[in-house]
Structure formats: structure tokens, C-alpha cells
Amino acid sequence: MVQRLALMAERRALARLPTAVVDSRHLRAQSSLDINRLMRDSTTDAAWNDVVGTLNELLPDDVYGGVNIGDRRALYYLVLGLNVRNLLEVGTHIGASAIHLASALRDSGQANVHLTTVDIRDVNASVGSPWREQGLDAPPSVMVERLGCAGLVTFYVATASSFLATTEQHFDFIFLDGSHAAADVYREIPLALQRLAPGGVIVLHDFFPGLAPLWTGGELIAGPWLAVERLRQEGARITALPLGALPWPTKLGSTVTSLAVLLRN
């Protein structure tokens, strides 16, 4: 009952928004991406095996509130496989995905790589910040320093929409994992498309196709799917490609991920 009421509220809030202007021409074409190949690349496997021990020491798998370990690995594989150089993350939180994204950029061997990570809170503050609330011994900024990636990462305190509307940067890869409210995601995707470099991708977290549960007894987050569906119904040339089952564990005893890549159809 509670979930049904929440879904109705999401739909009402989304319906109140004016129709967005969507320009998807810079999105990577759906036909050009082979997720199965990227997730099973032997070169990326070797790079991952070299760094996973350090990453797990910095942020154990059992820390609550961060992207699960299987999703972190998938993000690492995507960044290396897509030869990403300039990356935007929305929703830093405790830094679980940020340290994996930064590691992938560093391990790519490319020059002039950079991660910009944005959150509505000062995630590196000494008090009242997510890392303190979760009982971690260091904020995200210190974790990236320990990885040797400090020079590759810039932290911003802003809402996703305000940052995307004002930045002059363009990104090869935008990871949207901030607000999951349908109305917010609906606003963020068109703004993210405007800041996307040609051939870039947008990655969504907590994407539940058809609003069907991905895990038995697990929670259902409606916002990202609702937002994408409204944009598609309004004629946007976009499709969300779920990563589906990964070659490694994610959570709740499964290999399923809620990650999806937004592409041009």
C-alpha cells in the first residue's frame, strides 16, 4: 500500500512538469554498444584484479549506503571499455562509485582524464556528512588521495540541475545517481544531454524496467524508469539498456544490477 501511494505521488509530480526539449544527437548509438563484451573483457579483468584489493581496503563491501560491489565493478569496466576521459558523477555520497570511477580513469593510461563528482551535501565535511554517518574513517577526498588519484577528481556541492545548467564542460560519461525522484530525473536527463560530448553515454542507477522488482523482496525505485518512459513517449530518441545479469555477484545473493546505459535509438 505504501509503495503504491508513493508511485502515485511520483506519477503526479512528473505529470505536472512541462514537456522537456531533448537533443539526443550526441548520445552513443545503441547499435554500437556490446555490454556483454565490455563486461567480459580480459584486459579489463586484469586491470581490475590489480586494483580490487586496494579498493576493498578503502571501502569494504558491507558498508551501507554505497553502490554495491558488483555495480562498482561494472562502472569500472564501462569506463575502461568505453575509453572515457572526462566523467561526471551526480551523487557522490560516501564515494563508493567515485573511487572506482577515478581508478578506472587512472588505469586507462590516457592523458588528461578527469572525474567531476557532484552532491547536494559537502561529502568531505568533518561533521554532518555521509562518511561520518556511516562510520567510515575517511571522506571521499582522502580515499582518492590514498589511491593516488587526487589530481584527477574535483568535488562540487550543488544540485544536479544547477550544476548541469551552469557548467561549460562536456563529458564522455555521465553517471546519474543523485535524486531518484521521477520529476528530478526527467529534468536532469535533457540537461545532461546538453553537456554530453559526441558519442558519450549517460548511465542510470536504480533503473527498474517496467517497474518490475529486480530482487525478491527487494525495494522498487520508480523514478528513473518513469522519467525515461515519459521522455520516450514524447518522442525523444533514447533507450535505456539495462546491464541485466553481470558475470559477478551484486547483492542479495544475485548477479543482477540496476544499472542501465542511456543510448540513442
C-alpha atoms as a PDB file:
ATOM      1  CA  MET A   1       0.000   0.000   0.000  1.00  0.00           C
ATOM      2  CA  VAL A   2       2.781   2.417   0.923  1.00  0.00           C
ATOM      3  CA  GLN A   3       4.658   1.652  -2.293  1.00  0.00           C
ATOM      4  CA  ARG A   4       1.501   2.132  -4.360  1.00  0.00           C
ATOM      5  CA  LEU A   5       0.857   5.546  -2.807  1.00  0.00           C
ATOM      6  CA  ALA A   6       4.474   6.561  -3.396  1.00  0.00           C
ATOM      7  CA  LEU A   7       4.209   5.536  -7.053  1.00  0.00           C
ATOM      8  CA  MET A   8       1.026   7.572  -7.479  1.00  0.00           C
ATOM      9  CA  ALA A   9       2.749  10.601  -5.987  1.00  0.00           C
ATOM     10  CA  GLU A  10       5.710  10.138  -8.348  1.00  0.00           C
ATOM     11  CA  ARG A  11       3.408   9.985 -11.355  1.00  0.00           C
ATOM     12  CA  ARG A  12       1.512  13.114 -10.282  1.00  0.00           C
ATOM     13  CA  ALA A  13       4.689  15.128  -9.733  1.00  0.00           C
ATOM     14  CA  LEU A  14       6.059  14.021 -13.099  1.00  0.00           C
ATOM     15  CA  ALA A  15       2.812  14.848 -14.924  1.00  0.00           C
ATOM     16  CA  ARG A  16       2.904  18.439 -13.663  1.00  0.00           C
ATOM     17  CA  LEU A  17       6.150  19.224 -15.492  1.00  0.00           C
ATOM     18  CA  PRO A  18       6.123  20.907 -18.910  1.00  0.00           C
ATOM     19  CA  THR A  19       7.408  18.884 -21.844  1.00  0.00           C
ATOM     20  CA  ALA A  20      11.195  18.889 -21.988  1.00  0.00           C
ATOM     21  CA  VAL A  21      13.263  19.764 -25.050  1.00  0.00           C
ATOM     22  CA  VAL A  22      15.533  16.783 -25.743  1.00  0.00           C
ATOM     23  CA  ASP A  23      18.536  16.703 -28.065  1.00  0.00           C
ATOM     24  CA  SER A  24      19.979  13.195 -28.151  1.00  0.00           C
ATOM     25  CA  ARG A  25      22.304  13.581 -31.148  1.00  0.00           C
ATOM     26  CA  HIS A  26      25.472  13.327 -29.021  1.00  0.00           C
ATOM     27  CA  LEU A  27      24.401  10.071 -27.374  1.00  0.00           C
ATOM     28  CA  ARG A  28      26.220   6.934 -28.421  1.00  0.00           C
ATOM     29  CA  ALA A  29      24.098   4.795 -30.751  1.00  0.00           C
ATOM     30  CA  GLN A  30      22.535   1.695 -29.231  1.00  0.00           C
ATOM     31  CA  SER A  31      23.840  -0.465 -32.066  1.00  0.00           C
ATOM     32  CA  SER A  32      27.450   0.456 -31.239  1.00  0.00           C
ATOM     33  CA  LEU A  33      27.492  -0.885 -27.684  1.00  0.00           C
ATOM     34  CA  ASP A  34      28.059  -4.519 -26.730  1.00  0.00           C
ATOM     35  CA  ILE A  35      27.574  -4.710 -22.961  1.00  0.00           C
ATOM     36  CA  ASN A  36      28.337  -8.419 -22.811  1.00  0.00           C
ATOM     37  CA  ARG A  37      31.732  -7.880 -24.442  1.00  0.00           C
ATOM     38  CA  LEU A  38      32.616  -4.960 -22.162  1.00  0.00           C
ATOM     39  CA  MET A  39      31.768  -6.916 -19.022  1.00  0.00           C
ATOM     40  CA  ARG A  40      33.905  -9.874 -20.109  1.00  0.00           C
ATOM     41  CA  ASP A  41      36.964  -8.094 -21.456  1.00  0.00           C
ATOM     42  CA  SER A  42      40.139  -9.924 -20.413  1.00  0.00           C
ATOM     43  CA  THR A  43      42.284  -6.761 -20.393  1.00  0.00           C
ATOM     44  CA  THR A  44      39.844  -5.061 -18.026  1.00  0.00           C
ATOM     45  CA  ASP A  45      39.721  -8.234 -15.921  1.00  0.00           C
ATOM     46  CA  ALA A  46      43.487  -7.982 -15.417  1.00  0.00           C
ATOM     47  CA  ALA A  47      43.323  -4.288 -14.513  1.00  0.00           C
ATOM     48  CA  TRP A  48      40.513  -4.991 -12.039  1.00  0.00           C
ATOM     49  CA  ASN A  49      42.396  -7.816 -10.378  1.00  0.00           C
ATOM     50  CA  ASP A  50      45.335  -5.468  -9.818  1.00  0.00           C
ATOM     51  CA  VAL A  51      43.275  -2.784  -8.059  1.00  0.00           C
ATOM     52  CA  VAL A  52      40.361  -4.569  -6.366  1.00  0.00           C
ATOM     53  CA  GLY A  53      42.307  -5.358  -3.177  1.00  0.00           C
ATOM     54  CA  THR A  54      43.163  -1.694  -2.632  1.00  0.00           C
ATOM     55  CA  LEU A  55      39.613  -0.583  -3.373  1.00  0.00           C
ATOM     56  CA  ASN A  56      38.152  -3.080  -0.921  1.00  0.00           C
ATOM     57  CA  GLU A  57      40.544  -1.927   1.797  1.00  0.00           C
ATOM     58  CA  LEU A  58      39.395   1.652   1.292  1.00  0.00           C
ATOM     59  CA  LEU A  59      35.692   0.813   1.282  1.00  0.00           C
ATOM     60  CA  PRO A  60      34.544  -2.658   2.354  1.00  0.00           C
ATOM     61  CA  ASP A  61      31.635  -4.286   0.577  1.00  0.00           C
ATOM     62  CA  ASP A  62      29.434  -4.304   3.665  1.00  0.00           C
ATOM     63  CA  VAL A  63      29.298  -0.506   4.101  1.00  0.00           C
ATOM     64  CA  TYR A  64      25.658   0.560   3.990  1.00  0.00           C
ATOM     65  CA  GLY A  65      24.548   3.330   1.651  1.00  0.00           C
ATOM     66  CA  GLY A  66      27.063   2.958  -1.151  1.00  0.00           C
ATOM     67  CA  VAL A  67      26.738   1.408  -4.580  1.00  0.00           C
ATOM     68  CA  ASN A  68      27.115  -2.357  -4.150  1.00  0.00           C
ATOM     69  CA  ILE A  69      30.426  -4.025  -5.014  1.00  0.00           C
ATOM     70  CA  GLY A  70      29.116  -5.635  -8.204  1.00  0.00           C
ATOM     71  CA  ASP A  71      27.838  -2.316  -9.540  1.00  0.00           C
ATOM     72  CA  ARG A  72      31.140  -0.643  -8.640  1.00  0.00           C
ATOM     73  CA  ARG A  73      32.955  -3.227 -10.714  1.00  0.00           C
ATOM     74  CA  ALA A  74      30.558  -2.739 -13.634  1.00  0.00           C
ATOM     75  CA  LEU A  75      31.208   1.015 -13.598  1.00  0.00           C
ATOM     76  CA  TYR A  76      34.952   0.355 -13.646  1.00  0.00           C
ATOM     77  CA  TYR A  77      34.529  -1.915 -16.685  1.00  0.00           C
ATOM     78  CA  LEU A  78      32.340   0.606 -18.507  1.00  0.00           C
ATOM     79  CA  VAL A  79      34.823   3.449 -18.044  1.00  0.00           C
ATOM     80  CA  LEU A  80      37.764   1.379 -19.275  1.00  0.00           C
ATOM     81  CA  GLY A  81      35.822  -0.265 -22.078  1.00  0.00           C
ATOM     82  CA  LEU A  82      34.437   2.994 -23.435  1.00  0.00           C
ATOM     83  CA  ASN A  83      37.791   4.837 -23.251  1.00  0.00           C
ATOM     84  CA  VAL A  84      36.275   7.564 -21.105  1.00  0.00           C
ATOM     85  CA  ARG A  85      38.407  10.644 -20.405  1.00  0.00           C
ATOM     86  CA  ASN A  86      36.066  13.250 -18.900  1.00  0.00           C
ATOM     87  CA  LEU A  87      33.481  11.883 -16.484  1.00  0.00           C
ATOM     88  CA  LEU A  88      30.687  13.402 -14.417  1.00  0.00           C
ATOM     89  CA  GLU A  89      29.135  11.681 -11.420  1.00  0.00           C
ATOM     90  CA  VAL A  90      25.978  13.039  -9.809  1.00  0.00           C
ATOM     91  CA  GLY A  91      25.567  11.750  -6.253  1.00  0.00           C
ATOM     92  CA  THR A  92      28.957  11.327  -4.567  1.00  0.00           C
ATOM     93  CA  HIS A  93      27.616  10.278  -1.154  1.00  0.00           C
ATOM     94  CA  ILE A  94      30.293   8.166   0.626  1.00  0.00           C
ATOM     95  CA  GLY A  95      32.432   7.855  -2.502  1.00  0.00           C
ATOM     96  CA  ALA A  96      31.811   4.176  -3.287  1.00  0.00           C
ATOM     97  CA  SER A  97      31.382   4.724  -7.001  1.00  0.00           C
ATOM     98  CA  ALA A  98      33.699   7.744  -7.138  1.00  0.00           C
ATOM     99  CA  ILE A  99      36.803   5.816  -6.114  1.00  0.00           C
ATOM    100  CA  HIS A 100      36.050   3.114  -8.691  1.00  0.00           C
ATOM    101  CA  LEU A 101      35.436   5.670 -11.434  1.00  0.00           C
ATOM    102  CA  ALA A 102      38.652   7.517 -10.560  1.00  0.00           C
ATOM    103  CA  SER A 103      40.603   4.253 -10.510  1.00  0.00           C
ATOM    104  CA  ALA A 104      39.296   3.322 -13.945  1.00  0.00           C
ATOM    105  CA  LEU A 105      40.297   6.694 -15.379  1.00  0.00           C
ATOM    106  CA  ARG A 106      43.778   6.333 -13.903  1.00  0.00           C
ATOM    107  CA  ASP A 107      44.124   2.743 -15.107  1.00  0.00           C
ATOM    108  CA  SER A 108      43.049   3.635 -18.646  1.00  0.00           C
ATOM    109  CA  GLY A 109      46.514   5.029 -19.337  1.00  0.00           C
ATOM    110  CA  GLN A 110      45.026   8.017 -21.154  1.00  0.00           C
ATOM    111  CA  ALA A 111      46.229  11.575 -20.685  1.00  0.00           C
ATOM    112  CA  ASN A 112      44.123  14.426 -19.308  1.00  0.00           C
ATOM    113  CA  VAL A 113      41.480  12.270 -17.656  1.00  0.00           C
ATOM    114  CA  HIS A 114      39.211  13.789 -15.023  1.00  0.00           C
ATOM    115  CA  LEU A 115      36.271  12.968 -12.754  1.00  0.00           C
ATOM    116  CA  THR A 116      33.883  15.683 -11.607  1.00  0.00           C
ATOM    117  CA  THR A 117      31.636  14.467  -8.810  1.00  0.00           C
ATOM    118  CA  VAL A 118      28.659  16.477  -7.551  1.00  0.00           C
ATOM    119  CA  ASP A 119      26.487  16.138  -4.463  1.00  0.00           C
ATOM    120  CA  ILE A 120      23.953  18.354  -2.711  1.00  0.00           C
ATOM    121  CA  ARG A 121      25.935  17.905   0.520  1.00  0.00           C
ATOM    122  CA  ASP A 122      29.550  18.616   1.323  1.00  0.00           C
ATOM    123  CA  VAL A 123      30.593  14.977   1.297  1.00  0.00           C
ATOM    124  CA  ASN A 124      34.060  15.785   2.654  1.00  0.00           C
ATOM    125  CA  ALA A 125      32.950  17.837   5.654  1.00  0.00           C
ATOM    126  CA  SER A 126      34.317  16.741   9.005  1.00  0.00           C
ATOM    127  CA  VAL A 127      30.857  16.764  10.620  1.00  0.00           C
ATOM    128  CA  GLY A 128      27.360  16.078   9.366  1.00  0.00           C
ATOM    129  CA  SER A 129      28.490  14.321   6.191  1.00  0.00           C
ATOM    130  CA  PRO A 130      27.687  10.858   4.776  1.00  0.00           C
ATOM    131  CA  TRP A 131      31.077   9.303   5.565  1.00  0.00           C
ATOM    132  CA  ARG A 132      30.717  10.289   9.223  1.00  0.00           C
ATOM    133  CA  GLU A 133      27.169   8.974   9.365  1.00  0.00           C
ATOM    134  CA  GLN A 134      28.322   5.609   8.021  1.00  0.00           C
ATOM    135  CA  GLY A 135      31.228   5.376  10.462  1.00  0.00           C
ATOM    136  CA  LEU A 136      33.974   5.450   7.830  1.00  0.00           C
ATOM    137  CA  ASP A 137      37.488   6.567   8.727  1.00  0.00           C
ATOM    138  CA  ALA A 138      37.919   8.943   5.790  1.00  0.00           C
ATOM    139  CA  PRO A 139      35.891  11.133   3.410  1.00  0.00           C
ATOM    140  CA  PRO A 140      35.867  10.575  -0.353  1.00  0.00           C
ATOM    141  CA  SER A 141      38.586  13.192  -0.917  1.00  0.00           C
ATOM    142  CA  VAL A 142      41.001  11.301   1.330  1.00  0.00           C
ATOM    143  CA  MET A 143      40.133   7.977  -0.295  1.00  0.00           C
ATOM    144  CA  VAL A 144      41.002   9.305  -3.755  1.00  0.00           C
ATOM    145  CA  GLU A 145      44.252  10.680  -2.319  1.00  0.00           C
ATOM    146  CA  ARG A 146      45.114   7.240  -0.963  1.00  0.00           C
ATOM    147  CA  LEU A 147      44.509   5.838  -4.439  1.00  0.00           C
ATOM    148  CA  GLY A 148      46.888   8.378  -5.929  1.00  0.00           C
ATOM    149  CA  CYS A 149      44.003   9.933  -7.848  1.00  0.00           C
ATOM    150  CA  ALA A 150      43.610  13.271  -6.051  1.00  0.00           C
ATOM    151  CA  GLY A 151      44.690  15.257  -9.083  1.00  0.00           C
ATOM    152  CA  LEU A 152      42.083  13.530 -11.207  1.00  0.00           C
ATOM    153  CA  VAL A 153      39.000  14.409  -9.126  1.00  0.00           C
ATOM    154  CA  THR A 154      37.078  17.621  -8.426  1.00  0.00           C
ATOM    155  CA  PHE A 155      34.272  17.752  -5.850  1.00  0.00           C
ATOM    156  CA  TYR A 156      31.323  20.144  -6.172  1.00  0.00           C
ATOM    157  CA  VAL A 157      28.424  20.940  -3.836  1.00  0.00           C
ATOM    158  CA  ALA A 158      25.357  21.616  -5.975  1.00  0.00           C
ATOM    159  CA  THR A 159      22.122  20.118  -7.193  1.00  0.00           C
ATOM    160  CA  ALA A 160      22.381  18.122 -10.377  1.00  0.00           C
ATOM    161  CA  SER A 161      20.168  20.505 -12.322  1.00  0.00           C
ATOM    162  CA  SER A 162      22.011  23.640 -11.203  1.00  0.00           C
ATOM    163  CA  PHE A 163      25.407  22.155 -11.994  1.00  0.00           C
ATOM    164  CA  LEU A 164      24.354  20.824 -15.400  1.00  0.00           C
ATOM    165  CA  ALA A 165      22.689  24.126 -16.292  1.00  0.00           C
ATOM    166  CA  THR A 166      25.750  26.231 -15.478  1.00  0.00           C
ATOM    167  CA  THR A 167      28.831  24.141 -16.258  1.00  0.00           C
ATOM    168  CA  GLU A 168      30.618  24.729 -19.547  1.00  0.00           C
ATOM    169  CA  GLN A 169      32.274  21.314 -19.509  1.00  0.00           C
ATOM    170  CA  HIS A 170      31.384  18.429 -21.785  1.00  0.00           C
ATOM    171  CA  PHE A 171      31.608  14.831 -20.606  1.00  0.00           C
ATOM    172  CA  ASP A 172      32.080  11.451 -22.294  1.00  0.00           C
ATOM    173  CA  PHE A 173      30.256   9.655 -19.478  1.00  0.00           C
ATOM    174  CA  ILE A 174      27.630  10.993 -17.062  1.00  0.00           C
ATOM    175  CA  PHE A 175      26.555   8.822 -14.132  1.00  0.00           C
ATOM    176  CA  LEU A 176      23.218   9.986 -12.694  1.00  0.00           C
ATOM    177  CA  ASP A 177      22.843   8.637  -9.171  1.00  0.00           C
ATOM    178  CA  GLY A 178      21.568  11.623  -7.203  1.00  0.00           C
ATOM    179  CA  SER A 179      17.863  12.168  -6.693  1.00  0.00           C
ATOM    180  CA  HIS A 180      15.816   9.244  -7.934  1.00  0.00           C
ATOM    181  CA  ALA A 181      12.529  11.171  -7.997  1.00  0.00           C
ATOM    182  CA  ALA A 182      10.912  10.900 -11.413  1.00  0.00           C
ATOM    183  CA  ALA A 183      10.480  14.667 -11.757  1.00  0.00           C
ATOM    184  CA  ASP A 184      14.139  15.297 -10.938  1.00  0.00           C
ATOM    185  CA  VAL A 185      15.443  12.640 -13.332  1.00  0.00           C
ATOM    186  CA  TYR A 186      13.126  13.985 -16.050  1.00  0.00           C
ATOM    187  CA  ARG A 187      14.745  17.421 -15.663  1.00  0.00           C
ATOM    188  CA  GLU A 188      18.290  16.066 -15.369  1.00  0.00           C
ATOM    189  CA  ILE A 189      18.415  13.877 -18.486  1.00  0.00           C
ATOM    190  CA  PRO A 190      17.824  16.688 -21.029  1.00  0.00           C
ATOM    191  CA  LEU A 191      20.357  18.878 -19.196  1.00  0.00           C
ATOM    192  CA  ALA A 192      22.869  16.019 -19.150  1.00  0.00           C
ATOM    193  CA  LEU A 193      22.385  15.502 -22.887  1.00  0.00           C
ATOM    194  CA  GLN A 194      23.355  19.136 -23.441  1.00  0.00           C
ATOM    195  CA  ARG A 195      26.654  18.560 -21.611  1.00  0.00           C
ATOM    196  CA  LEU A 196      27.473  15.301 -23.361  1.00  0.00           C
ATOM    197  CA  ALA A 197      30.408  15.044 -25.745  1.00  0.00           C
ATOM    198  CA  PRO A 198      29.695  13.374 -29.110  1.00  0.00           C
ATOM    199  CA  GLY A 199      29.479   9.611 -28.696  1.00  0.00           C
ATOM    200  CA  GLY A 200      29.036   9.846 -24.945  1.00  0.00           C
ATOM    201  CA  VAL A 201      26.771   7.839 -22.651  1.00  0.00           C
ATOM    202  CA  ILE A 202      24.568   8.509 -19.649  1.00  0.00           C
ATOM    203  CA  VAL A 203      24.401   5.773 -17.018  1.00  0.00           C
ATOM    204  CA  LEU A 204      21.422   5.478 -14.670  1.00  0.00           C
ATOM    205  CA  HIS A 205      21.377   3.732 -11.322  1.00  0.00           C
ATOM    206  CA  ASP A 206      18.282   2.125  -9.784  1.00  0.00           C
ATOM    207  CA  PHE A 207      16.573   1.597 -13.129  1.00  0.00           C
ATOM    208  CA  PHE A 208      13.734  -0.928 -12.837  1.00  0.00           C
ATOM    209  CA  PRO A 209      12.402  -1.810 -16.325  1.00  0.00           C
ATOM    210  CA  GLY A 210       8.644  -1.913 -16.414  1.00  0.00           C
ATOM    211  CA  LEU A 211       8.647  -1.206 -12.669  1.00  0.00           C
ATOM    212  CA  ALA A 212       9.222  -4.908 -12.050  1.00  0.00           C
ATOM    213  CA  PRO A 213      11.286  -5.879  -8.970  1.00  0.00           C
ATOM    214  CA  LEU A 214      14.842  -6.969  -9.733  1.00  0.00           C
ATOM    215  CA  TRP A 215      15.282  -8.869  -6.466  1.00  0.00           C
ATOM    216  CA  THR A 216      12.855 -10.994  -4.480  1.00  0.00           C
ATOM    217  CA  GLY A 217      11.612  -8.890  -1.597  1.00  0.00           C
ATOM    218  CA  GLY A 218      13.821  -6.000  -2.698  1.00  0.00           C
ATOM    219  CA  GLU A 219      12.779  -2.387  -2.951  1.00  0.00           C
ATOM    220  CA  LEU A 220      11.434  -0.867  -6.143  1.00  0.00           C
ATOM    221  CA  ILE A 221      12.604   2.613  -7.184  1.00  0.00           C
ATOM    222  CA  ALA A 222      10.281   4.023  -9.825  1.00  0.00           C
ATOM    223  CA  GLY A 223      11.701   7.431 -10.702  1.00  0.00           C
ATOM    224  CA  PRO A 224      14.388   6.720 -13.333  1.00  0.00           C
ATOM    225  CA  TRP A 225      12.176   4.363 -15.362  1.00  0.00           C
ATOM    226  CA  LEU A 226       9.174   6.721 -15.197  1.00  0.00           C
ATOM    227  CA  ALA A 227      11.306   9.649 -16.364  1.00  0.00           C
ATOM    228  CA  VAL A 228      12.806   7.759 -19.306  1.00  0.00           C
ATOM    229  CA  GLU A 229       9.420   6.409 -20.355  1.00  0.00           C
ATOM    230  CA  ARG A 230       7.842   9.864 -20.422  1.00  0.00           C
ATOM    231  CA  LEU A 231      10.742  11.234 -22.480  1.00  0.00           C
ATOM    232  CA  ARG A 232      10.388   8.330 -24.934  1.00  0.00           C
ATOM    233  CA  GLN A 233       6.622   8.784 -25.189  1.00  0.00           C
ATOM    234  CA  GLU A 234       7.221  12.427 -26.034  1.00  0.00           C
ATOM    235  CA  GLY A 235       9.424  11.437 -28.951  1.00  0.00           C
ATOM    236  CA  ALA A 236      12.935  11.511 -27.503  1.00  0.00           C
ATOM    237  CA  ARG A 237      15.255   9.216 -29.463  1.00  0.00           C
ATOM    238  CA  ILE A 238      16.610   7.477 -26.404  1.00  0.00           C
ATOM    239  CA  THR A 239      16.537   3.997 -24.960  1.00  0.00           C
ATOM    240  CA  ALA A 240      17.758   2.682 -21.612  1.00  0.00           C
ATOM    241  CA  LEU A 241      19.740  -0.530 -21.971  1.00  0.00           C
ATOM    242  CA  PRO A 242      19.808  -2.449 -18.647  1.00  0.00           C
ATOM    243  CA  LEU A 243      23.070  -4.230 -17.886  1.00  0.00           C
ATOM    244  CA  GLY A 244      20.993  -7.119 -16.519  1.00  0.00           C
ATOM    245  CA  ALA A 245      22.911 -10.035 -15.025  1.00  0.00           C
ATOM    246  CA  LEU A 246      26.645  -9.478 -14.564  1.00  0.00           C
ATOM    247  CA  PRO A 247      29.421 -12.102 -14.553  1.00  0.00           C
ATOM    248  CA  TRP A 248      29.952 -11.482 -10.810  1.00  0.00           C
ATOM    249  CA  PRO A 249      27.835 -11.063  -7.643  1.00  0.00           C
ATOM    250  CA  THR A 250      25.996  -7.829  -6.880  1.00  0.00           C
ATOM    251  CA  LYS A 251      23.651  -8.035  -3.901  1.00  0.00           C
ATOM    252  CA  LEU A 252      21.068 -10.232  -2.187  1.00  0.00           C
ATOM    253  CA  GLY A 253      22.796 -13.345  -3.462  1.00  0.00           C
ATOM    254  CA  SER A 254      22.314 -12.414  -7.113  1.00  0.00           C
ATOM    255  CA  THR A 255      24.279 -11.125 -10.103  1.00  0.00           C
ATOM    256  CA  VAL A 256      21.579  -8.634 -11.124  1.00  0.00           C
ATOM    257  CA  THR A 257      22.317  -4.924 -11.405  1.00  0.00           C
ATOM    258  CA  SER A 258      20.012  -1.917 -11.639  1.00  0.00           C
ATOM    259  CA  LEU A 259      22.499  -0.055 -13.826  1.00  0.00           C
ATOM    260  CA  ALA A 260      21.302   0.968 -17.291  1.00  0.00           C
ATOM    261  CA  VAL A 261      23.042   2.833 -20.115  1.00  0.00           C
ATOM    262  CA  LEU A 262      21.100   5.561 -21.887  1.00  0.00           C
ATOM    263  CA  LEU A 263      21.701   5.409 -25.651  1.00  0.00           C
ATOM    264  CA  ARG A 264      20.328   6.821 -28.884  1.00  0.00           C
ATOM    265  CA  ASN A 265      17.950   4.589 -30.824  1.00  0.00           C
END
